[in-house]
Amino acid sequence: MKTASKELQKLRFMAERSLNKTAELHQVLAQIEATLSRTETQKVIEKTNNELS
């Protein structure tokens, strides 16, 4: 989880640096959303695995 958090911080910094909504900004925002989605999915998997144990 710490790695995902660091990646999010880095991607948010990159997004804030670019004030105009260019293709690069859209890509960074998509990466942020993908990272959040992966993190949420991992939490669900871990919770499911814990419940099945």
PDB file of N, CA and C in Angstrom:
ATOM      1  N   MET A   1       0.816  -1.207   0.000  1.00  0.00           N
ATOM      2  CA  MET A   1       0.000   0.000   0.000  1.00  0.00           C
ATOM      3  C   MET A   1       0.858   1.269   0.000  1.00  0.00           C
ATOM      4  N   LYS A   2       2.026   1.230   0.648  1.00  0.00           N
ATOM      5  CA  LYS A   2       2.885   2.408   0.695  1.00  0.00           C
ATOM      6  C   LYS A   2       3.363   2.792  -0.692  1.00  0.00           C
ATOM      7  N   THR A   3       3.620   1.795  -1.531  1.00  0.00           N
ATOM      8  CA  THR A   3       4.075   2.066  -2.890  1.00  0.00           C
ATOM      9  C   THR A   3       2.979   2.780  -3.678  1.00  0.00           C
ATOM     10  N   ALA A   4       1.746   2.319  -3.541  1.00  0.00           N
ATOM     11  CA  ALA A   4       0.632   2.961  -4.242  1.00  0.00           C
ATOM     12  C   ALA A   4       0.462   4.399  -3.771  1.00  0.00           C
ATOM     13  N   SER A   5       0.617   4.621  -2.482  1.00  0.00           N
ATOM     14  CA  SER A   5       0.491   5.969  -1.936  1.00  0.00           C
ATOM     15  C   SER A   5       1.565   6.893  -2.493  1.00  0.00           C
ATOM     16  N   LYS A   6       2.795   6.393  -2.564  1.00  0.00           N
ATOM     17  CA  LYS A   6       3.890   7.211  -3.112  1.00  0.00           C
ATOM     18  C   LYS A   6       3.649   7.498  -4.587  1.00  0.00           C
ATOM     19  N   GLU A   7       3.152   6.498  -5.314  1.00  0.00           N
ATOM     20  CA  GLU A   7       2.870   6.686  -6.735  1.00  0.00           C
ATOM     21  C   GLU A   7       1.771   7.732  -6.919  1.00  0.00           C
ATOM     22  N   LEU A   8       0.736   7.675  -6.073  1.00  0.00           N
ATOM     23  CA  LEU A   8      -0.336   8.671  -6.150  1.00  0.00           C
ATOM     24  C   LEU A   8       0.193  10.072  -5.894  1.00  0.00           C
ATOM     25  N   GLN A   9       1.038  10.217  -4.888  1.00  0.00           N
ATOM     26  CA  GLN A   9       1.611  11.531  -4.590  1.00  0.00           C
ATOM     27  C   GLN A   9       2.395  12.058  -5.787  1.00  0.00           C
ATOM     28  N   LYS A  10       3.174  11.184  -6.398  1.00  0.00           N
ATOM     29  CA  LYS A  10       3.975  11.583  -7.555  1.00  0.00           C
ATOM     30  C   LYS A  10       3.067  11.995  -8.718  1.00  0.00           C
ATOM     31  N   LEU A  11       2.038  11.195  -8.984  1.00  0.00           N
ATOM     32  CA  LEU A  11       1.146  11.492 -10.098  1.00  0.00           C
ATOM     33  C   LEU A  11       0.334  12.767  -9.851  1.00  0.00           C
ATOM     34  N   ARG A  12      -0.090  12.977  -8.619  1.00  0.00           N
ATOM     35  CA  ARG A  12      -0.823  14.212  -8.297  1.00  0.00           C
ATOM     36  C   ARG A  12       0.069  15.428  -8.477  1.00  0.00           C
ATOM     37  N   PHE A  13       1.326  15.310  -8.062  1.00  0.00           N
ATOM     38  CA  PHE A  13       2.276  16.403  -8.241  1.00  0.00           C
ATOM     39  C   PHE A  13       2.422  16.735  -9.717  1.00  0.00           C
ATOM     40  N   MET A  14       2.538  15.699 -10.542  1.00  0.00           N
ATOM     41  CA  MET A  14       2.663  15.911 -11.981  1.00  0.00           C
ATOM     42  C   MET A  14       1.409  16.591 -12.540  1.00  0.00           C
ATOM     43  N   ALA A  15       0.243  16.207 -12.068  1.00  0.00           N
ATOM     44  CA  ALA A  15      -1.008  16.786 -12.553  1.00  0.00           C
ATOM     45  C   ALA A  15      -1.109  18.257 -12.153  1.00  0.00           C
ATOM     46  N   GLU A  16      -0.727  18.572 -10.921  1.00  0.00           N
ATOM     47  CA  GLU A  16      -0.806  19.957 -10.461  1.00  0.00           C
ATOM     48  C   GLU A  16       0.188  20.851 -11.201  1.00  0.00           C
ATOM     49  N   ARG A  17       1.318  20.284 -11.562  1.00  0.00           N
ATOM     50  CA  ARG A  17       2.336  21.049 -12.289  1.00  0.00           C
ATOM     51  C   ARG A  17       1.819  21.503 -13.649  1.00  0.00           C
ATOM     52  N   SER A  18       0.998  20.698 -14.248  1.00  0.00           N
ATOM     53  CA  SER A  18       0.477  21.015 -15.576  1.00  0.00           C
ATOM     54  C   SER A  18      -0.915  21.625 -15.435  1.00  0.00           C
ATOM     55  N   LEU A  19      -1.008  22.917 -15.520  1.00  0.00           N
ATOM     56  CA  LEU A  19      -2.280  23.589 -15.255  1.00  0.00           C
ATOM     57  C   LEU A  19      -3.265  23.500 -16.419  1.00  0.00           C
ATOM     58  N   ASN A  20      -2.774  23.387 -17.629  1.00  0.00           N
ATOM     59  CA  ASN A  20      -3.699  23.289 -18.755  1.00  0.00           C
ATOM     60  C   ASN A  20      -4.040  21.830 -18.995  1.00  0.00           C
ATOM     61  N   LYS A  21      -5.254  21.594 -19.458  1.00  0.00           N
ATOM     62  CA  LYS A  21      -5.742  20.223 -19.616  1.00  0.00           C
ATOM     63  C   LYS A  21      -5.290  19.649 -20.954  1.00  0.00           C
ATOM     64  N   THR A  22      -4.059  19.217 -20.956  1.00  0.00           N
ATOM     65  CA  THR A  22      -3.482  18.641 -22.171  1.00  0.00           C
ATOM     66  C   THR A  22      -3.658  17.137 -22.152  1.00  0.00           C
ATOM     67  N   ALA A  23      -3.233  16.497 -23.213  1.00  0.00           N
ATOM     68  CA  ALA A  23      -3.289  15.039 -23.278  1.00  0.00           C
ATOM     69  C   ALA A  23      -2.447  14.428 -22.162  1.00  0.00           C
ATOM     70  N   GLU A  24      -1.332  15.081 -21.827  1.00  0.00           N
ATOM     71  CA  GLU A  24      -0.476  14.582 -20.744  1.00  0.00           C
ATOM     72  C   GLU A  24      -1.221  14.601 -19.420  1.00  0.00           C
ATOM     73  N   LEU A  25      -1.945  15.675 -19.153  1.00  0.00           N
ATOM     74  CA  LEU A  25      -2.712  15.770 -17.908  1.00  0.00           C
ATOM     75  C   LEU A  25      -3.789  14.693 -17.868  1.00  0.00           C
ATOM     76  N   HIS A  26      -4.474  14.491 -18.972  1.00  0.00           N
ATOM     77  CA  HIS A  26      -5.489  13.439 -19.027  1.00  0.00           C
ATOM     78  C   HIS A  26      -4.874  12.074 -18.754  1.00  0.00           C
ATOM     79  N   GLN A  27      -3.682  11.844 -19.266  1.00  0.00           N
ATOM     80  CA  GLN A  27      -2.998  10.576 -19.042  1.00  0.00           C
ATOM     81  C   GLN A  27      -2.636  10.410 -17.563  1.00  0.00           C
ATOM     82  N   VAL A  28      -2.145  11.467 -16.956  1.00  0.00           N
ATOM     83  CA  VAL A  28      -1.787  11.413 -15.536  1.00  0.00           C
ATOM     84  C   VAL A  28      -3.034  11.148 -14.694  1.00  0.00           C
ATOM     85  N   LEU A  29      -4.116  11.833 -15.002  1.00  0.00           N
ATOM     86  CA  LEU A  29      -5.356  11.612 -14.258  1.00  0.00           C
ATOM     87  C   LEU A  29      -5.853  10.179 -14.439  1.00  0.00           C
ATOM     88  N   ALA A  30      -5.721   9.635 -15.616  1.00  0.00           N
ATOM     89  CA  ALA A  30      -6.119   8.242 -15.857  1.00  0.00           C
ATOM     90  C   ALA A  30      -5.239   7.298 -15.039  1.00  0.00           C
ATOM     91  N   GLN A  31      -3.951   7.612 -14.932  1.00  0.00           N
ATOM     92  CA  GLN A  31      -3.049   6.785 -14.124  1.00  0.00           C
ATOM     93  C   GLN A  31      -3.438   6.840 -12.647  1.00  0.00           C
ATOM     94  N   ILE A  32      -3.825   8.016 -12.174  1.00  0.00           N
ATOM     95  CA  ILE A  32      -4.263   8.165 -10.789  1.00  0.00           C
ATOM     96  C   ILE A  32      -5.507   7.309 -10.551  1.00  0.00           C
ATOM     97  N   GLU A  33      -6.462   7.410 -11.450  1.00  0.00           N
ATOM     98  CA  GLU A  33      -7.690   6.620 -11.309  1.00  0.00           C
ATOM     99  C   GLU A  33      -7.382   5.124 -11.350  1.00  0.00           C
ATOM    100  N   ALA A  34      -6.482   4.710 -12.229  1.00  0.00           N
ATOM    101  CA  ALA A  34      -6.119   3.294 -12.330  1.00  0.00           C
ATOM    102  C   ALA A  34      -5.446   2.822 -11.048  1.00  0.00           C
ATOM    103  N   THR A  35      -4.576   3.657 -10.491  1.00  0.00           N
ATOM    104  CA  THR A  35      -3.895   3.298  -9.250  1.00  0.00           C
ATOM    105  C   THR A  35      -4.889   3.156  -8.112  1.00  0.00           C
ATOM    106  N   LEU A  36      -5.817   4.094  -8.019  1.00  0.00           N
ATOM    107  CA  LEU A  36      -6.850   4.014  -6.984  1.00  0.00           C
ATOM    108  C   LEU A  36      -7.690   2.756  -7.155  1.00  0.00           C
ATOM    109  N   SER A  37      -8.053   2.467  -8.379  1.00  0.00           N
ATOM    110  CA  SER A  37      -8.853   1.280  -8.659  1.00  0.00           C
ATOM    111  C   SER A  37      -8.114   0.008  -8.266  1.00  0.00           C
ATOM    112  N   ARG A  38      -6.837  -0.079  -8.620  1.00  0.00           N
ATOM    113  CA  ARG A  38      -6.037  -1.257  -8.261  1.00  0.00           C
ATOM    114  C   ARG A  38      -5.943  -1.393  -6.743  1.00  0.00           C
ATOM    115  N   THR A  39      -5.750  -0.274  -6.050  1.00  0.00           N
ATOM    116  CA  THR A  39      -5.645  -0.296  -4.594  1.00  0.00           C
ATOM    117  C   THR A  39      -6.943  -0.783  -3.975  1.00  0.00           C
ATOM    118  N   GLU A  40      -8.070  -0.253  -4.462  1.00  0.00           N
ATOM    119  CA  GLU A  40      -9.370  -0.684  -3.940  1.00  0.00           C
ATOM    120  C   GLU A  40      -9.618  -2.161  -4.224  1.00  0.00           C
ATOM    121  N   THR A  41      -9.257  -2.606  -5.410  1.00  0.00           N
ATOM    122  CA  THR A  41      -9.423  -4.015  -5.771  1.00  0.00           C
ATOM    123  C   THR A  41      -8.580  -4.896  -4.867  1.00  0.00           C
ATOM    124  N   GLN A  42      -7.350  -4.477  -4.603  1.00  0.00           N
ATOM    125  CA  GLN A  42      -6.469  -5.249  -3.725  1.00  0.00           C
ATOM    126  C   GLN A  42      -7.065  -5.358  -2.331  1.00  0.00           C
ATOM    127  N   LYS A  43      -7.650  -4.270  -1.819  1.00  0.00           N
ATOM    128  CA  LYS A  43      -8.276  -4.301  -0.498  1.00  0.00           C
ATOM    129  C   LYS A  43      -9.428  -5.296  -0.478  1.00  0.00           C
ATOM    130  N   VAL A  44     -10.230  -5.313  -1.537  1.00  0.00           N
ATOM    131  CA  VAL A  44     -11.355  -6.244  -1.618  1.00  0.00           C
ATOM    132  C   VAL A  44     -10.848  -7.680  -1.651  1.00  0.00           C
ATOM    133  N   ILE A  45      -9.813  -7.929  -2.436  1.00  0.00           N
ATOM    134  CA  ILE A  45      -9.237  -9.280  -2.524  1.00  0.00           C
ATOM    135  C   ILE A  45      -8.716  -9.714  -1.163  1.00  0.00           C
ATOM    136  N   GLU A  46      -7.994  -8.840  -0.493  1.00  0.00           N
ATOM    137  CA  GLU A  46      -7.444  -9.175   0.820  1.00  0.00           C
ATOM    138  C   GLU A  46      -8.563  -9.453   1.818  1.00  0.00           C
ATOM    139  N   LYS A  47      -9.606  -8.639   1.804  1.00  0.00           N
ATOM    140  CA  LYS A  47     -10.725  -8.836   2.727  1.00  0.00           C
ATOM    141  C   LYS A  47     -11.425 -10.163   2.419  1.00  0.00           C
ATOM    142  N   THR A  48     -11.627 -10.450   1.151  1.00  0.00           N
ATOM    143  CA  THR A  48     -12.267 -11.703   0.751  1.00  0.00           C
ATOM    144  C   THR A  48     -11.431 -12.895   1.196  1.00  0.00           C
ATOM    145  N   ASN A  49     -10.120 -12.814   0.971  1.00  0.00           N
ATOM    146  CA  ASN A  49      -9.231 -13.898   1.378  1.00  0.00           C
ATOM    147  C   ASN A  49      -9.246 -14.097   2.888  1.00  0.00           C
ATOM    148  N   ASN A  50      -9.299 -13.010   3.643  1.00  0.00           N
ATOM    149  CA  ASN A  50      -9.344 -13.104   5.103  1.00  0.00           C
ATOM    150  C   ASN A  50     -10.655 -13.739   5.575  1.00  0.00           C
ATOM    151  N   GLU A  51     -11.746 -13.417   4.896  1.00  0.00           N
ATOM    152  CA  GLU A  51     -13.036 -13.976   5.275  1.00  0.00           C
ATOM    153  C   GLU A  51     -13.120 -15.465   4.941  1.00  0.00           C
ATOM    154  N   LEU A  52     -12.438 -15.880   3.876  1.00  0.00           N
ATOM    155  CA  LEU A  52     -12.455 -17.276   3.465  1.00  0.00           C
ATOM    156  C   LEU A  52     -11.525 -18.147   4.310  1.00  0.00           C
ATOM    157  N   SER A  53     -10.586 -17.503   4.983  1.00  0.00           N
ATOM    158  CA  SER A  53      -9.617 -18.269   5.793  1.00  0.00           C
ATOM    159  C   SER A  53     -10.222 -18.765   7.068  1.00  0.00           C
TER     160      SER A  53
END
